[in-house]
């Protein structure tokens, strides 16, 4: 099976940690992280649905001595993707 290679930019999901923040601290935290976590990534599309894309960073095709294997799997929600470009190789 052929897996398309894709370049994506997507907004990472962030959490502040387990600490509690007052309202002014919450506003400050949101401003600090607002534009800081756009991820630039390439990968092979293994599966795509209406909600998500399943990528792997690398894969090994099936051979006589080893089964097909996939490395660094990521399931990315499509609602987080801001840019997408298929890379032709």
PDB file of N, CA and C in Angstrom:
ATOM      1  N   UNK A   1       0.836  -1.182   0.000  1.00  0.00           N
ATOM      2  CA  UNK A   1       0.000   0.000   0.000  1.00  0.00           C
ATOM      3  C   UNK A   1       0.879   1.244   0.000  1.00  0.00           C
ATOM      4  N   UNK A   2       0.459   2.242  -0.726  1.00  0.00           N
ATOM      5  CA  UNK A   2       1.192   3.507  -0.815  1.00  0.00           C
ATOM      6  C   UNK A   2       0.604   4.495   0.193  1.00  0.00           C
ATOM      7  N   UNK A   3       1.459   5.148   0.962  1.00  0.00           N
ATOM      8  CA  UNK A   3       1.021   6.114   1.968  1.00  0.00           C
ATOM      9  C   UNK A   3       1.449   7.510   1.533  1.00  0.00           C
ATOM     10  N   UNK A   4       0.488   8.435   1.322  1.00  0.00           N
ATOM     11  CA  UNK A   4       0.845   9.789   0.889  1.00  0.00           C
ATOM     12  C   UNK A   4       1.680  10.501   1.956  1.00  0.00           C
ATOM     13  N   UNK A   5       2.676  11.232   1.497  1.00  0.00           N
ATOM     14  CA  UNK A   5       3.504  12.056   2.372  1.00  0.00           C
ATOM     15  C   UNK A   5       2.875  13.440   2.425  1.00  0.00           C
ATOM     16  N   UNK A   6       2.738  14.001   3.623  1.00  0.00           N
ATOM     17  CA  UNK A   6       2.045  15.272   3.792  1.00  0.00           C
ATOM     18  C   UNK A   6       2.837  16.192   4.720  1.00  0.00           C
ATOM     19  N   UNK A   7       2.733  17.496   4.454  1.00  0.00           N
ATOM     20  CA  UNK A   7       3.246  18.530   5.355  1.00  0.00           C
ATOM     21  C   UNK A   7       2.038  19.165   6.029  1.00  0.00           C
ATOM     22  N   UNK A   8       2.063  19.251   7.358  1.00  0.00           N
ATOM     23  CA  UNK A   8       0.970  19.857   8.112  1.00  0.00           C
ATOM     24  C   UNK A   8       1.490  20.946   9.030  1.00  0.00           C
ATOM     25  N   UNK A   9       0.666  21.952   9.245  1.00  0.00           N
ATOM     26  CA  UNK A   9       0.838  22.883  10.351  1.00  0.00           C
ATOM     27  C   UNK A   9      -0.421  22.759  11.183  1.00  0.00           C
ATOM     28  N   UNK A  10      -0.241  22.570  12.486  1.00  0.00           N
ATOM     29  CA  UNK A  10      -1.399  22.409  13.357  1.00  0.00           C
ATOM     30  C   UNK A  10      -1.129  23.007  14.727  1.00  0.00           C
ATOM     31  N   UNK A  11      -2.223  23.422  15.372  1.00  0.00           N
ATOM     32  CA  UNK A  11      -2.137  24.066  16.676  1.00  0.00           C
ATOM     33  C   UNK A  11      -2.157  23.009  17.769  1.00  0.00           C
ATOM     34  N   UNK A  12      -1.096  22.975  18.548  1.00  0.00           N
ATOM     35  CA  UNK A  12      -0.993  22.008  19.634  1.00  0.00           C
ATOM     36  C   UNK A  12      -1.952  22.372  20.764  1.00  0.00           C
ATOM     37  N   UNK A  13      -2.412  21.374  21.471  1.00  0.00           N
ATOM     38  CA  UNK A  13      -3.277  21.566  22.634  1.00  0.00           C
ATOM     39  C   UNK A  13      -2.383  21.749  23.851  1.00  0.00           C
ATOM     40  N   UNK A  14      -2.700  22.741  24.674  1.00  0.00           N
ATOM     41  CA  UNK A  14      -1.857  23.080  25.817  1.00  0.00           C
ATOM     42  C   UNK A  14      -2.630  22.970  27.118  1.00  0.00           C
ATOM     43  N   UNK A  15      -1.904  22.723  28.190  1.00  0.00           N
ATOM     44  CA  UNK A  15      -2.483  22.734  29.537  1.00  0.00           C
ATOM     45  C   UNK A  15      -1.545  23.521  30.442  1.00  0.00           C
ATOM     46  N   UNK A  16      -2.112  24.155  31.445  1.00  0.00           N
ATOM     47  CA  UNK A  16      -1.298  24.996  32.330  1.00  0.00           C
ATOM     48  C   UNK A  16      -0.642  24.212  33.457  1.00  0.00           C
ATOM     49  N   UNK A  17      -1.011  22.982  33.630  1.00  0.00           N
ATOM     50  CA  UNK A  17      -0.493  22.193  34.745  1.00  0.00           C
ATOM     51  C   UNK A  17      -1.577  22.010  35.792  1.00  0.00           C
ATOM     52  N   UNK A  18      -1.181  21.534  36.959  1.00  0.00           N
ATOM     53  CA  UNK A  18      -2.145  21.210  38.004  1.00  0.00           C
ATOM     54  C   UNK A  18      -2.442  22.379  38.937  1.00  0.00           C
ATOM     55  N   UNK A  19      -1.752  23.488  38.763  1.00  0.00           N
ATOM     56  CA  UNK A  19      -1.946  24.616  39.677  1.00  0.00           C
ATOM     57  C   UNK A  19      -3.212  25.406  39.336  1.00  0.00           C
ATOM     58  N   UNK A  20      -3.745  26.105  40.334  1.00  0.00           N
ATOM     59  CA  UNK A  20      -4.892  26.977  40.149  1.00  0.00           C
ATOM     60  C   UNK A  20      -4.406  28.375  39.823  1.00  0.00           C
ATOM     61  N   UNK A  21      -5.165  29.091  38.988  1.00  0.00           N
ATOM     62  CA  UNK A  21      -4.803  30.454  38.612  1.00  0.00           C
ATOM     63  C   UNK A  21      -5.982  31.385  38.857  1.00  0.00           C
ATOM     64  N   UNK A  22      -5.664  32.584  39.322  1.00  0.00           N
ATOM     65  CA  UNK A  22      -6.697  33.601  39.453  1.00  0.00           C
ATOM     66  C   UNK A  22      -6.995  34.162  38.069  1.00  0.00           C
ATOM     67  N   UNK A  23      -8.085  34.934  37.959  1.00  0.00           N
ATOM     68  CA  UNK A  23      -8.545  35.408  36.655  1.00  0.00           C
ATOM     69  C   UNK A  23      -7.467  36.181  35.901  1.00  0.00           C
ATOM     70  N   UNK A  24      -6.778  37.105  36.555  1.00  0.00           N
ATOM     71  CA  UNK A  24      -5.750  37.888  35.860  1.00  0.00           C
ATOM     72  C   UNK A  24      -4.581  37.010  35.430  1.00  0.00           C
ATOM     73  N   UNK A  25      -4.227  36.011  36.243  1.00  0.00           N
ATOM     74  CA  UNK A  25      -3.164  35.074  35.873  1.00  0.00           C
ATOM     75  C   UNK A  25      -3.589  34.210  34.689  1.00  0.00           C
ATOM     76  N   UNK A  26      -4.873  33.860  34.643  1.00  0.00           N
ATOM     77  CA  UNK A  26      -5.403  33.068  33.529  1.00  0.00           C
ATOM     78  C   UNK A  26      -5.318  33.845  32.223  1.00  0.00           C
ATOM     79  N   UNK A  27      -5.717  35.115  32.258  1.00  0.00           N
ATOM     80  CA  UNK A  27      -5.624  35.965  31.071  1.00  0.00           C
ATOM     81  C   UNK A  27      -4.170  36.087  30.606  1.00  0.00           C
ATOM     82  N   UNK A  28      -3.261  36.282  31.535  1.00  0.00           N
ATOM     83  CA  UNK A  28      -1.837  36.400  31.207  1.00  0.00           C
ATOM     84  C   UNK A  28      -1.306  35.108  30.591  1.00  0.00           C
ATOM     85  N   UNK A  29      -1.696  33.965  31.154  1.00  0.00           N
ATOM     86  CA  UNK A  29      -1.252  32.678  30.618  1.00  0.00           C
ATOM     87  C   UNK A  29      -1.748  32.486  29.195  1.00  0.00           C
ATOM     88  N   UNK A  30      -3.013  32.823  28.927  1.00  0.00           N
ATOM     89  CA  UNK A  30      -3.575  32.673  27.576  1.00  0.00           C
ATOM     90  C   UNK A  30      -2.820  33.533  26.576  1.00  0.00           C
ATOM     91  N   UNK A  31      -2.477  34.760  26.957  1.00  0.00           N
ATOM     92  CA  UNK A  31      -1.748  35.656  26.059  1.00  0.00           C
ATOM     93  C   UNK A  31      -0.330  35.149  25.804  1.00  0.00           C
ATOM     94  N   UNK A  32       0.321  34.620  26.828  1.00  0.00           N
ATOM     95  CA  UNK A  32       1.695  34.124  26.688  1.00  0.00           C
ATOM     96  C   UNK A  32       1.796  32.963  25.718  1.00  0.00           C
ATOM     97  N   UNK A  33       0.811  32.068  25.715  1.00  0.00           N
ATOM     98  CA  UNK A  33       0.886  30.857  24.895  1.00  0.00           C
ATOM     99  C   UNK A  33       0.046  30.947  23.630  1.00  0.00           C
ATOM    100  N   UNK A  34      -0.597  32.074  23.388  1.00  0.00           N
ATOM    101  CA  UNK A  34      -1.555  32.199  22.296  1.00  0.00           C
ATOM    102  C   UNK A  34      -0.978  31.834  20.928  1.00  0.00           C
ATOM    103  N   UNK A  35       0.225  32.286  20.599  1.00  0.00           N
ATOM    104  CA  UNK A  35       0.766  32.049  19.263  1.00  0.00           C
ATOM    105  C   UNK A  35       2.036  31.192  19.278  1.00  0.00           C
ATOM    106  N   UNK A  36       2.312  30.551  20.374  1.00  0.00           N
ATOM    107  CA  UNK A  36       3.627  29.929  20.536  1.00  0.00           C
ATOM    108  C   UNK A  36       3.708  28.455  20.141  1.00  0.00           C
ATOM    109  N   UNK A  37       2.607  27.800  19.817  1.00  0.00           N
ATOM    110  CA  UNK A  37       2.682  26.361  19.641  1.00  0.00           C
ATOM    111  C   UNK A  37       2.078  25.854  18.342  1.00  0.00           C
ATOM    112  N   UNK A  38       2.465  26.455  17.225  1.00  0.00           N
ATOM    113  CA  UNK A  38       2.108  25.911  15.921  1.00  0.00           C
ATOM    114  C   UNK A  38       3.153  24.852  15.576  1.00  0.00           C
ATOM    115  N   UNK A  39       2.696  23.636  15.321  1.00  0.00           N
ATOM    116  CA  UNK A  39       3.580  22.515  15.015  1.00  0.00           C
ATOM    117  C   UNK A  39       3.721  22.405  13.496  1.00  0.00           C
ATOM    118  N   UNK A  40       4.947  22.237  13.025  1.00  0.00           N
ATOM    119  CA  UNK A  40       5.250  22.005  11.607  1.00  0.00           C
ATOM    120  C   UNK A  40       5.704  20.556  11.508  1.00  0.00           C
ATOM    121  N   UNK A  41       5.004  19.768  10.702  1.00  0.00           N
ATOM    122  CA  UNK A  41       5.263  18.330  10.708  1.00  0.00           C
ATOM    123  C   UNK A  41       5.075  17.715   9.329  1.00  0.00           C
ATOM    124  N   UNK A  42       5.882  16.716   9.049  1.00  0.00           N
ATOM    125  CA  UNK A  42       5.670  15.876   7.873  1.00  0.00           C
ATOM    126  C   UNK A  42       5.433  14.450   8.347  1.00  0.00           C
ATOM    127  N   UNK A  43       4.703  13.699   7.548  1.00  0.00           N
ATOM    128  CA  UNK A  43       4.453  12.303   7.891  1.00  0.00           C
ATOM    129  C   UNK A  43       3.687  11.612   6.785  1.00  0.00           C
ATOM    130  N   UNK A  44       3.544  10.321   6.956  1.00  0.00           N
ATOM    131  CA  UNK A  44       2.797   9.504   5.997  1.00  0.00           C
ATOM    132  C   UNK A  44       1.370   9.308   6.519  1.00  0.00           C
ATOM    133  N   UNK A  45       0.378   9.555   5.676  1.00  0.00           N
ATOM    134  CA  UNK A  45      -1.026   9.391   6.072  1.00  0.00           C
ATOM    135  C   UNK A  45      -1.367   7.902   6.020  1.00  0.00           C
ATOM    136  N   UNK A  46      -1.686   7.344   7.189  1.00  0.00           N
ATOM    137  CA  UNK A  46      -2.093   5.943   7.264  1.00  0.00           C
ATOM    138  C   UNK A  46      -3.598   5.788   7.162  1.00  0.00           C
ATOM    139  N   UNK A  47      -4.322   6.775   7.733  1.00  0.00           N
ATOM    140  CA  UNK A  47      -5.782   6.739   7.713  1.00  0.00           C
ATOM    141  C   UNK A  47      -6.296   8.164   7.851  1.00  0.00           C
ATOM    142  N   UNK A  48      -7.443   8.425   7.213  1.00  0.00           N
ATOM    143  CA  UNK A  48      -8.066   9.733   7.329  1.00  0.00           C
ATOM    144  C   UNK A  48      -9.571   9.546   7.449  1.00  0.00           C
ATOM    145  N   UNK A  49     -10.157  10.243   8.419  1.00  0.00           N
ATOM    146  CA  UNK A  49     -11.607  10.233   8.608  1.00  0.00           C
ATOM    147  C   UNK A  49     -12.102  11.674   8.566  1.00  0.00           C
ATOM    148  N   UNK A  50     -13.374  11.879   8.822  1.00  0.00           N
ATOM    149  CA  UNK A  50     -13.913  13.236   8.879  1.00  0.00           C
ATOM    150  C   UNK A  50     -13.329  14.017  10.051  1.00  0.00           C
ATOM    151  N   UNK A  51     -12.919  13.323  11.118  1.00  0.00           N
ATOM    152  CA  UNK A  51     -12.459  13.980  12.345  1.00  0.00           C
ATOM    153  C   UNK A  51     -10.946  14.079  12.490  1.00  0.00           C
ATOM    154  N   UNK A  52     -10.204  13.116  11.948  1.00  0.00           N
ATOM    155  CA  UNK A  52      -8.772  13.092  12.232  1.00  0.00           C
ATOM    156  C   UNK A  52      -7.954  12.526  11.072  1.00  0.00           C
ATOM    157  N   UNK A  53      -6.640  12.754  11.187  1.00  0.00           N
ATOM    158  CA  UNK A  53      -5.655  12.130  10.294  1.00  0.00           C
ATOM    159  C   UNK A  53      -4.718  11.314  11.173  1.00  0.00           C
ATOM    160  N   UNK A  54      -4.450  10.085  10.788  1.00  0.00           N
ATOM    161  CA  UNK A  54      -3.479   9.249  11.482  1.00  0.00           C
ATOM    162  C   UNK A  54      -2.188   9.262  10.670  1.00  0.00           C
ATOM    163  N   UNK A  55      -1.119   9.755  11.273  1.00  0.00           N
ATOM    164  CA  UNK A  55       0.189   9.860  10.612  1.00  0.00           C
ATOM    165  C   UNK A  55       1.198   8.943  11.274  1.00  0.00           C
ATOM    166  N   UNK A  56       2.217   8.581  10.507  1.00  0.00           N
ATOM    167  CA  UNK A  56       3.415   7.981  11.085  1.00  0.00           C
ATOM    168  C   UNK A  56       4.614   8.729  10.509  1.00  0.00           C
ATOM    169  N   UNK A  57       5.658   8.829  11.304  1.00  0.00           N
ATOM    170  CA  UNK A  57       6.870   9.519  10.841  1.00  0.00           C
ATOM    171  C   UNK A  57       7.705   8.638   9.926  1.00  0.00           C
ATOM    172  N   UNK A  58       7.652   7.338  10.161  1.00  0.00           N
ATOM    173  CA  UNK A  58       8.415   6.416   9.323  1.00  0.00           C
ATOM    174  C   UNK A  58       7.745   5.042   9.361  1.00  0.00           C
ATOM    175  N   UNK A  59       7.999   4.277   8.306  1.00  0.00           N
ATOM    176  CA  UNK A  59       7.473   2.914   8.282  1.00  0.00           C
ATOM    177  C   UNK A  59       8.434   1.999   7.537  1.00  0.00           C
ATOM    178  N   UNK A  60       8.308   0.722   7.861  1.00  0.00           N
ATOM    179  CA  UNK A  60       9.125  -0.315   7.244  1.00  0.00           C
ATOM    180  C   UNK A  60       8.182  -1.240   6.491  1.00  0.00           C
ATOM    181  N   UNK A  61       8.355  -1.358   5.167  1.00  0.00           N
ATOM    182  CA  UNK A  61       7.460  -2.249   4.421  1.00  0.00           C
ATOM    183  C   UNK A  61       7.699  -3.712   4.792  1.00  0.00           C
ATOM    184  N   UNK A  62       6.706  -4.517   4.547  1.00  0.00           N
ATOM    185  CA  UNK A  62       6.825  -5.942   4.828  1.00  0.00           C
ATOM    186  C   UNK A  62       7.918  -6.567   3.964  1.00  0.00           C
ATOM    187  N   UNK A  63       8.707  -7.420   4.559  1.00  0.00           N
ATOM    188  CA  UNK A  63       9.745  -8.166   3.846  1.00  0.00           C
ATOM    189  C   UNK A  63       9.611  -9.648   4.204  1.00  0.00           C
ATOM    190  N   UNK A  64      10.476 -10.461   3.649  1.00  0.00           N
ATOM    191  CA  UNK A  64      10.453 -11.889   3.962  1.00  0.00           C
ATOM    192  C   UNK A  64      10.809 -12.166   5.424  1.00  0.00           C
ATOM    193  N   UNK A  65      11.558 -11.252   6.039  1.00  0.00           N
ATOM    194  CA  UNK A  65      12.009 -11.495   7.412  1.00  0.00           C
ATOM    195  C   UNK A  65      11.320 -10.621   8.466  1.00  0.00           C
ATOM    196  N   UNK A  66      10.496  -9.656   8.047  1.00  0.00           N
ATOM    197  CA  UNK A  66       9.856  -8.767   9.026  1.00  0.00           C
ATOM    198  C   UNK A  66       8.491  -8.290   8.507  1.00  0.00           C
ATOM    199  N   UNK A  67       7.521  -8.159   9.407  1.00  0.00           N
ATOM    200  CA  UNK A  67       6.214  -7.619   9.002  1.00  0.00           C
ATOM    201  C   UNK A  67       6.288  -6.105   8.799  1.00  0.00           C
ATOM    202  N   UNK A  68       5.262  -5.566   8.172  1.00  0.00           N
ATOM    203  CA  UNK A  68       5.163  -4.113   8.010  1.00  0.00           C
ATOM    204  C   UNK A  68       5.082  -3.492   9.402  1.00  0.00           C
ATOM    205  N   UNK A  69       5.847  -2.395   9.604  1.00  0.00           N
ATOM    206  CA  UNK A  69       5.864  -1.724  10.904  1.00  0.00           C
ATOM    207  C   UNK A  69       5.812  -0.215  10.718  1.00  0.00           C
ATOM    208  N   UNK A  70       5.228   0.468  11.724  1.00  0.00           N
ATOM    209  CA  UNK A  70       5.063   1.918  11.677  1.00  0.00           C
ATOM    210  C   UNK A  70       5.659   2.528  12.939  1.00  0.00           C
ATOM    211  N   UNK A  71       6.332   3.674  12.781  1.00  0.00           N
ATOM    212  CA  UNK A  71       6.944   4.348  13.920  1.00  0.00           C
ATOM    213  C   UNK A  71       6.394   5.743  14.129  1.00  0.00           C
ATOM    214  N   UNK A  72       6.317   6.138  15.381  1.00  0.00           N
ATOM    215  CA  UNK A  72       5.865   7.457  15.829  1.00  0.00           C
ATOM    216  C   UNK A  72       4.488   7.794  15.264  1.00  0.00           C
ATOM    217  N   UNK A  73       3.482   7.083  15.736  1.00  0.00           N
ATOM    218  CA  UNK A  73       2.101   7.307  15.301  1.00  0.00           C
ATOM    219  C   UNK A  73       1.533   8.549  15.977  1.00  0.00           C
ATOM    220  N   UNK A  74       0.752   9.329  15.229  1.00  0.00           N
ATOM    221  CA  UNK A  74       0.069  10.497  15.771  1.00  0.00           C
ATOM    222  C   UNK A  74      -1.316  10.601  15.162  1.00  0.00           C
ATOM    223  N   UNK A  75      -2.308  10.786  16.016  1.00  0.00           N
ATOM    224  CA  UNK A  75      -3.687  11.021  15.596  1.00  0.00           C
ATOM    225  C   UNK A  75      -3.954  12.506  15.824  1.00  0.00           C
ATOM    226  N   UNK A  76      -4.134  13.257  14.733  1.00  0.00           N
ATOM    227  CA  UNK A  76      -4.294  14.715  14.816  1.00  0.00           C
ATOM    228  C   UNK A  76      -5.712  15.077  14.394  1.00  0.00           C
ATOM    229  N   UNK A  77      -6.408  15.797  15.267  1.00  0.00           N
ATOM    230  CA  UNK A  77      -7.754  16.248  14.923  1.00  0.00           C
ATOM    231  C   UNK A  77      -7.692  17.253  13.781  1.00  0.00           C
ATOM    232  N   UNK A  78      -8.565  17.092  12.805  1.00  0.00           N
ATOM    233  CA  UNK A  78      -8.575  17.986  11.649  1.00  0.00           C
ATOM    234  C   UNK A  78      -8.906  19.425  12.040  1.00  0.00           C
ATOM    235  N   UNK A  79      -9.667  19.600  13.105  1.00  0.00           N
ATOM    236  CA  UNK A  79     -10.020  20.952  13.535  1.00  0.00           C
ATOM    237  C   UNK A  79      -8.803  21.749  14.011  1.00  0.00           C
ATOM    238  N   UNK A  80      -7.695  21.073  14.298  1.00  0.00           N
ATOM    239  CA  UNK A  80      -6.466  21.742  14.733  1.00  0.00           C
ATOM    240  C   UNK A  80      -5.535  22.083  13.564  1.00  0.00           C
ATOM    241  N   UNK A  81      -5.782  21.511  12.395  1.00  0.00           N
ATOM    242  CA  UNK A  81      -4.900  21.692  11.239  1.00  0.00           C
ATOM    243  C   UNK A  81      -5.184  23.028  10.567  1.00  0.00           C
ATOM    244  N   UNK A  82      -4.114  23.819  10.373  1.00  0.00           N
ATOM    245  CA  UNK A  82      -4.252  25.140   9.742  1.00  0.00           C
ATOM    246  C   UNK A  82      -3.675  25.163   8.329  1.00  0.00           C
ATOM    247  N   UNK A  83      -2.809  24.220   8.003  1.00  0.00           N
ATOM    248  CA  UNK A  83      -2.224  24.140   6.655  1.00  0.00           C
ATOM    249  C   UNK A  83      -1.922  22.688   6.325  1.00  0.00           C
ATOM    250  N   UNK A  84      -2.144  22.335   5.059  1.00  0.00           N
ATOM    251  CA  UNK A  84      -1.910  20.960   4.617  1.00  0.00           C
ATOM    252  C   UNK A  84      -1.438  20.970   3.172  1.00  0.00           C
ATOM    253  N   UNK A  85      -0.363  20.229   2.895  1.00  0.00           N
ATOM    254  CA  UNK A  85       0.162  20.145   1.539  1.00  0.00           C
ATOM    255  C   UNK A  85       0.713  18.748   1.307  1.00  0.00           C
ATOM    256  N   UNK A  86       0.205  18.080   0.273  1.00  0.00           N
ATOM    257  CA  UNK A  86       0.727  16.768  -0.106  1.00  0.00           C
ATOM    258  C   UNK A  86       2.083  16.963  -0.763  1.00  0.00           C
ATOM    259  N   UNK A  87       3.048  16.156  -0.374  1.00  0.00           N
ATOM    260  CA  UNK A  87       4.410  16.214  -0.931  1.00  0.00           C
ATOM    261  C   UNK A  87       4.546  15.065  -1.922  1.00  0.00           C
ATOM    262  N   UNK A  88       4.814  15.396  -3.155  1.00  0.00           N
ATOM    263  CA  UNK A  88       4.997  14.363  -4.186  1.00  0.00           C
ATOM    264  C   UNK A  88       6.468  13.944  -4.208  1.00  0.00           C
ATOM    265  N   UNK A  89       6.690  12.631  -4.134  1.00  0.00           N
ATOM    266  CA  UNK A  89       8.065  12.108  -4.187  1.00  0.00           C
ATOM    267  C   UNK A  89       8.189  11.086  -5.291  1.00  0.00           C
TER     268      UNK A  89
END
